[in-house]
N, C-alpha and C. Protein backbone atom coordinates (compact mmCIF):
# COMPACT_ATOMS: atom_id res chain seq x y z
N MET A 1 61.63 76.54 65.57
CA MET A 1 62.25 75.79 65.09
C MET A 1 63.10 75.26 66.65
N ALA A 2 63.38 74.12 66.80
CA ALA A 2 63.38 72.93 67.85
C ALA A 2 65.25 72.93 68.19
N LYS A 3 65.84 73.21 69.33
CA LYS A 3 66.46 73.33 69.77
C LYS A 3 67.32 71.72 69.60
N ALA A 4 68.85 71.63 68.88
CA ALA A 4 68.96 70.33 69.16
C ALA A 4 69.47 69.94 70.45
N GLU A 5 69.02 68.73 71.13
CA GLU A 5 69.21 68.32 72.12
C GLU A 5 71.00 67.71 72.23
N ARG A 6 71.56 68.45 73.33
CA ARG A 6 72.65 67.79 73.27
C ARG A 6 73.19 66.21 73.97
N ARG A 7 73.67 65.49 73.49
CA ARG A 7 73.70 64.34 73.96
C ARG A 7 75.34 64.07 74.17
N GLY A 8 75.96 63.24 75.01
CA GLY A 8 77.15 63.27 74.81
C GLY A 8 77.78 63.89 76.36
N ASN A 9 78.83 63.38 76.40
CA ASN A 9 79.81 64.02 77.85
C ASN A 9 81.40 64.32 77.32
N PRO A 10 81.70 65.39 77.04
CA PRO A 10 82.83 66.06 76.51
C PRO A 10 83.84 65.44 77.37
N LEU A 11 83.89 65.09 78.69
CA LEU A 11 84.95 64.16 79.34
C LEU A 11 84.92 62.98 78.84
N GLY A 12 84.18 62.34 78.44
CA GLY A 12 83.94 60.61 77.73
C GLY A 12 84.93 60.85 76.45
N TRP A 13 84.87 62.00 75.91
CA TRP A 13 85.75 61.95 74.61
C TRP A 13 86.78 62.33 74.86
N ILE A 14 87.15 63.02 75.65
CA ILE A 14 88.62 63.39 76.38
C ILE A 14 89.73 61.70 76.80
N VAL A 15 88.61 61.86 77.85
CA VAL A 15 89.19 60.29 78.12
C VAL A 15 89.53 59.09 76.73
N LEU A 16 88.33 58.92 75.88
CA LEU A 16 88.30 58.01 74.95
C LEU A 16 89.68 58.11 73.66
N GLY A 17 89.70 59.53 73.50
CA GLY A 17 90.96 60.27 72.94
C GLY A 17 92.27 59.79 73.60
N PHE A 18 92.48 60.29 74.88
CA PHE A 18 93.73 59.77 75.41
C PHE A 18 93.80 57.90 75.17
N VAL A 19 92.93 57.16 75.47
CA VAL A 19 93.25 55.94 75.49
C VAL A 19 93.58 55.54 73.94
N VAL A 20 93.06 56.39 73.20
CA VAL A 20 93.51 55.77 71.56
C VAL A 20 94.48 56.11 71.08
N GLY A 21 95.19 57.46 71.73
CA GLY A 21 96.43 57.95 71.68
C GLY A 21 97.34 57.04 72.48
N ALA A 22 97.42 56.44 73.28
CA ALA A 22 98.28 55.70 74.47
C ALA A 22 98.27 54.64 73.59
N VAL A 23 97.15 53.90 73.08
CA VAL A 23 97.25 52.59 72.38
C VAL A 23 98.09 53.02 70.81
N ALA A 24 97.93 53.98 70.00
CA ALA A 24 98.69 54.20 68.88
C ALA A 24 100.10 54.14 69.21
N ALA A 25 100.51 55.03 70.32
CA ALA A 25 101.57 55.68 71.09
C ALA A 25 102.71 54.22 71.30
N LEU A 26 101.81 53.31 71.55
CA LEU A 26 102.38 51.73 72.15
C LEU A 26 102.42 51.15 70.57
N GLY A 27 101.89 51.28 70.00
CA GLY A 27 101.57 50.59 68.98
C GLY A 27 103.02 50.83 67.79
N VAL A 28 102.90 52.08 68.02
CA VAL A 28 104.39 53.03 67.17
C VAL A 28 105.49 52.00 67.97
N ILE A 29 105.77 52.62 69.13
CA ILE A 29 106.83 51.71 69.62
C ILE A 29 107.28 50.12 69.51
N LEU A 30 106.42 49.54 69.38
CA LEU A 30 106.41 48.36 69.32
C LEU A 30 106.77 47.80 67.75
N VAL A 31 106.30 48.60 66.84
CA VAL A 31 106.93 48.51 65.67
C VAL A 31 108.18 48.92 65.39
N VAL A 32 108.48 50.17 65.84
CA VAL A 32 110.00 50.65 65.70
C VAL A 32 110.64 49.94 66.18
N SER A 33 110.50 49.40 67.82
CA SER A 33 111.50 48.17 68.58
C SER A 33 111.67 46.96 67.92
N ALA A 34 110.76 46.08 67.18
CA ALA A 34 110.66 44.84 66.33
C ALA A 34 111.95 45.06 64.94
N GLY A 35 111.93 46.65 64.75
CA GLY A 35 112.81 46.75 63.36
C GLY A 35 112.09 46.24 61.99
N VAL A 36 110.97 46.47 62.12
CA VAL A 36 110.15 46.21 60.96
C VAL A 36 110.68 47.22 59.77
N GLY A 37 110.53 46.48 58.88
CA GLY A 37 111.24 47.55 57.45
C GLY A 37 112.70 47.88 57.47
N PHE A 38 113.62 47.28 57.99
CA PHE A 38 114.82 47.67 58.12
C PHE A 38 115.77 46.72 57.18
N GLU A 39 114.94 45.67 56.97
CA GLU A 39 115.69 44.82 55.82
C GLU A 39 115.66 44.79 54.41
N SER A 40 114.62 45.84 53.77
CA SER A 40 114.28 46.39 53.14
C SER A 40 114.87 47.77 52.85
N SER A 41 115.38 48.16 53.85
CA SER A 41 115.59 49.75 53.91
C SER A 41 117.18 49.81 53.38
N GLY A 42 117.74 48.92 53.29
CA GLY A 42 119.08 49.01 52.65
C GLY A 42 120.18 49.12 53.80
N TYR A 43 119.81 48.99 54.77
CA TYR A 43 120.74 48.90 56.25
C TYR A 43 121.36 48.02 56.21
N GLU A 44 122.57 48.03 56.20
CA GLU A 44 122.93 46.80 56.52
C GLU A 44 124.64 47.31 57.32
N GLU A 45 125.08 46.49 58.40
CA GLU A 45 126.58 46.65 58.72
C GLU A 45 127.55 46.38 58.27
N GLY A 46 128.46 46.83 57.97
CA GLY A 46 129.65 47.23 56.83
C GLY A 46 130.19 45.76 57.76
N ALA A 47 131.46 45.12 56.97
CA ALA A 47 132.44 44.09 57.01
C ALA A 47 133.26 44.64 58.03
N GLU A 48 133.68 43.85 59.18
CA GLU A 48 134.70 44.39 60.02
C GLU A 48 135.79 44.36 59.31
N VAL A 49 136.65 45.95 60.05
CA VAL A 49 137.85 46.05 59.28
C VAL A 49 139.00 45.54 60.15
N ARG A 50 139.69 44.79 59.84
CA ARG A 50 140.87 43.94 60.32
C ARG A 50 141.98 45.01 60.29
N THR A 51 142.89 45.59 61.54
CA THR A 51 143.92 46.33 61.73
C THR A 51 144.99 45.48 61.74
N ALA A 52 146.39 46.19 61.62
CA ALA A 52 147.58 45.87 61.70
C ALA A 52 147.81 45.81 63.08
N ALA A 53 147.03 46.07 64.07
CA ALA A 53 147.12 45.71 65.83
C ALA A 53 146.13 44.66 66.09
N ASP A 54 145.13 44.56 65.00
CA ASP A 54 144.85 42.96 65.30
C ASP A 54 145.47 42.28 65.02
N ASP A 55 146.22 42.08 64.14
CA ASP A 55 147.01 41.13 63.31
C ASP A 55 148.18 40.72 64.60
N ALA A 56 148.88 41.76 64.80
CA ALA A 56 149.87 41.77 66.07
C ALA A 56 149.53 41.05 66.89
N ALA A 57 148.71 41.49 67.39
CA ALA A 57 148.05 40.65 68.59
C ALA A 57 147.43 39.36 68.63
N SER A 58 146.97 38.97 67.55
CA SER A 58 146.92 37.39 67.56
C SER A 58 148.10 36.57 66.90
N ALA A 59 148.91 36.95 66.53
CA ALA A 59 150.23 36.87 66.10
C ALA A 59 151.09 36.71 67.16
N ALA A 60 151.14 37.27 68.43
CA ALA A 60 151.82 37.53 69.93
C ALA A 60 151.37 36.29 70.51
N THR A 61 149.73 36.13 70.40
CA THR A 61 149.25 35.19 71.32
C THR A 61 149.37 33.65 70.85
N THR A 62 149.41 33.94 69.59
CA THR A 62 149.80 32.12 69.22
C THR A 62 151.27 31.84 68.68
N ARG A 63 152.29 33.03 68.98
CA ARG A 63 153.76 32.14 68.83
C ARG A 63 154.39 32.03 69.94
N THR A 64 154.11 32.40 71.15
CA THR A 64 154.17 31.81 72.57
C THR A 64 153.54 31.22 73.04
N PRO A 65 154.22 29.72 73.19
CA PRO A 65 153.36 29.06 73.75
C PRO A 65 153.62 28.87 75.38
N ALA A 66 152.83 28.66 76.30
CA ALA A 66 153.26 28.33 77.67
C ALA A 66 153.77 27.42 78.03
N ALA A 67 154.61 26.43 77.25
CA ALA A 67 155.57 25.41 77.96
C ALA A 67 156.74 26.38 78.01
N GLN A 68 156.89 27.10 76.82
CA GLN A 68 158.21 27.40 76.48
C GLN A 68 158.61 28.81 77.32
N ALA A 69 157.85 29.36 77.89
CA ALA A 69 158.05 30.99 78.42
C ALA A 69 159.24 30.46 79.27
N PRO A 70 160.07 31.38 79.58
CA PRO A 70 161.35 31.72 80.38
C PRO A 70 160.65 31.54 82.02
N PRO A 71 161.62 31.10 83.09
CA PRO A 71 161.21 31.32 84.40
C PRO A 71 161.22 32.52 84.96
N PRO A 72 159.97 32.83 85.74
CA PRO A 72 160.12 34.45 86.09
C PRO A 72 161.48 34.46 86.84
N ALA A 73 162.18 35.82 86.83
CA ALA A 73 162.91 36.04 87.41
C ALA A 73 162.76 36.18 88.75
N VAL A 74 164.09 36.11 89.47
CA VAL A 74 164.14 36.17 91.11
C VAL A 74 164.43 37.39 91.46
N ALA A 75 163.75 38.34 92.34
CA ALA A 75 163.99 39.81 92.37
C ALA A 75 165.26 39.43 93.56
N PRO A 76 166.66 39.92 93.72
CA PRO A 76 167.34 39.81 95.22
C PRO A 76 166.90 40.36 96.32
N GLU A 77 166.98 39.98 97.37
CA GLU A 77 166.74 40.13 98.46
C GLU A 77 167.28 41.79 98.91
N PRO A 78 166.54 42.89 99.23
CA PRO A 78 166.90 44.19 99.51
C PRO A 78 167.71 44.18 100.59
N GLU A 79 168.74 44.79 100.78
CA GLU A 79 169.78 45.09 102.12
C GLU A 79 168.84 45.42 103.18
N LYS A 80 168.74 45.71 104.39
CA LYS A 80 168.52 46.18 105.51
C LYS A 80 169.11 47.44 105.53
N PRO A 81 168.47 48.63 105.86
CA PRO A 81 169.22 49.86 106.20
C PRO A 81 169.50 49.88 107.55
N PRO A 82 171.05 50.46 107.74
CA PRO A 82 171.47 50.60 109.19
C PRO A 82 170.43 51.21 110.33
N VAL A 83 170.56 50.90 110.98
CA VAL A 83 169.72 51.26 112.56
C VAL A 83 170.21 52.66 112.93
N VAL A 84 169.74 53.58 112.92
CA VAL A 84 170.13 54.90 113.46
C VAL A 84 169.24 55.31 114.78
N GLU A 85 169.69 55.64 116.02
CA GLU A 85 169.52 55.87 116.79
C GLU A 85 168.62 57.74 116.86
N ALA A 86 167.40 57.21 117.22
CA ALA A 86 166.94 59.16 117.37
C ALA A 86 167.12 59.54 118.59
N PRO A 87 167.57 60.84 117.98
CA PRO A 87 168.20 61.91 119.36
C PRO A 87 167.34 61.73 120.00
N PRO A 88 167.50 62.11 121.59
CA PRO A 88 166.46 62.33 122.71
C PRO A 88 165.97 63.35 122.46
N ALA A 89 164.31 63.26 122.41
CA ALA A 89 163.69 64.41 122.14
C ALA A 89 163.60 65.60 123.52
N THR A 90 163.53 66.74 123.17
CA THR A 90 163.74 67.94 124.50
C THR A 90 162.30 68.43 124.09
N PRO A 91 161.84 68.56 125.58
CA PRO A 91 160.33 69.14 125.90
C PRO A 91 160.34 70.52 125.41
N LYS A 92 159.03 70.73 124.68
CA LYS A 92 159.36 72.17 124.50
C LYS A 92 158.53 72.93 125.29
N PRO A 93 159.02 74.14 125.37
CA PRO A 93 158.59 74.89 127.06
C PRO A 93 157.04 75.21 126.64
N ALA A 94 156.57 75.59 127.61
CA ALA A 94 155.25 76.00 127.79
C ALA A 94 154.79 77.27 127.04
N PRO A 95 153.72 77.31 126.33
CA PRO A 95 153.70 78.92 125.52
C PRO A 95 153.34 79.81 126.93
N GLU A 96 153.77 81.07 126.53
CA GLU A 96 153.49 81.60 127.30
C GLU A 96 152.12 82.55 127.17
N ILE A 97 151.32 83.11 128.05
CA ILE A 97 150.34 83.29 127.48
C ILE A 97 149.99 84.80 127.83
N ASP A 98 149.96 85.63 126.88
CA ASP A 98 149.71 86.91 126.68
C ASP A 98 148.53 87.63 127.53
N PRO A 99 149.09 88.66 128.75
CA PRO A 99 147.90 89.21 129.23
C PRO A 99 146.65 89.61 128.72
N GLN A 100 147.01 89.98 127.39
CA GLN A 100 145.45 90.83 126.80
C GLN A 100 144.60 89.51 126.24
N MET A 101 145.40 88.44 125.97
CA MET A 101 144.52 87.33 125.63
C MET A 101 143.58 86.73 126.43
N ALA A 102 144.75 86.72 127.77
CA ALA A 102 144.00 86.02 129.05
C ALA A 102 142.86 86.55 129.88
N ASP A 103 143.09 88.10 129.37
CA ASP A 103 141.80 88.62 129.43
C ASP A 103 140.60 88.64 128.86
N ASP A 104 141.07 88.66 127.31
CA ASP A 104 139.64 88.27 126.76
C ASP A 104 139.11 86.95 126.65
N ALA A 105 140.04 85.84 127.03
CA ALA A 105 139.58 84.28 127.09
C ALA A 105 138.57 84.61 128.36
N ALA A 106 138.84 85.23 129.52
CA ALA A 106 138.00 85.22 130.45
C ALA A 106 136.89 86.04 130.28
N ALA A 107 136.81 86.63 129.60
CA ALA A 107 135.37 87.71 129.29
C ALA A 107 134.91 86.72 128.20
N ALA A 108 135.11 86.00 127.35
CA ALA A 108 134.53 85.21 126.85
C ALA A 108 134.20 84.00 127.47
N GLY A 109 134.62 83.55 128.62
CA GLY A 109 134.07 82.40 129.67
C GLY A 109 134.95 81.29 129.24
N MET A 110 136.28 81.53 128.56
CA MET A 110 136.93 80.48 128.60
C MET A 110 138.16 80.41 129.96
N THR A 111 137.38 79.91 130.94
CA THR A 111 138.42 80.39 132.39
C THR A 111 139.37 79.52 132.06
N SER A 112 139.71 78.53 131.76
CA SER A 112 140.80 77.16 131.06
C SER A 112 141.88 78.07 130.59
N ARG A 113 141.80 78.93 129.90
CA ARG A 113 142.63 79.64 128.89
C ARG A 113 143.49 80.95 129.95
N THR A 114 142.59 81.09 131.14
CA THR A 114 143.17 82.33 131.76
C THR A 114 144.46 81.69 132.86
N ARG A 115 144.17 80.50 133.35
CA ARG A 115 145.35 79.66 133.99
C ARG A 115 146.34 80.04 133.72
N GLN A 116 147.39 79.94 134.57
CA GLN A 116 148.83 80.02 134.08
C GLN A 116 149.52 79.11 134.86
């Protein structure tokens, strides 16, 4: 018996399958986004429901014309508060440096903290 000769490249079939799958996916996306079939499927948007709030809003906008609007109220000028003089500031005394803190600061290299 003669062996069957293998012809074709499996990589070619994989690439061809990928291309066919991509084209099919794009076709499905195109059909779905175009809305084909929705007209006959019974899907319809319902009528808009008008509420009492809608009626009140439309009545309020048509009832008051701009020509009959009352003039804006003028706010009275506020009174100025009395001037209060600030008490003279007393300088704070210099903080006392603890000798233990000065020793620790000197050991850490913070020589500016050791001066009194």
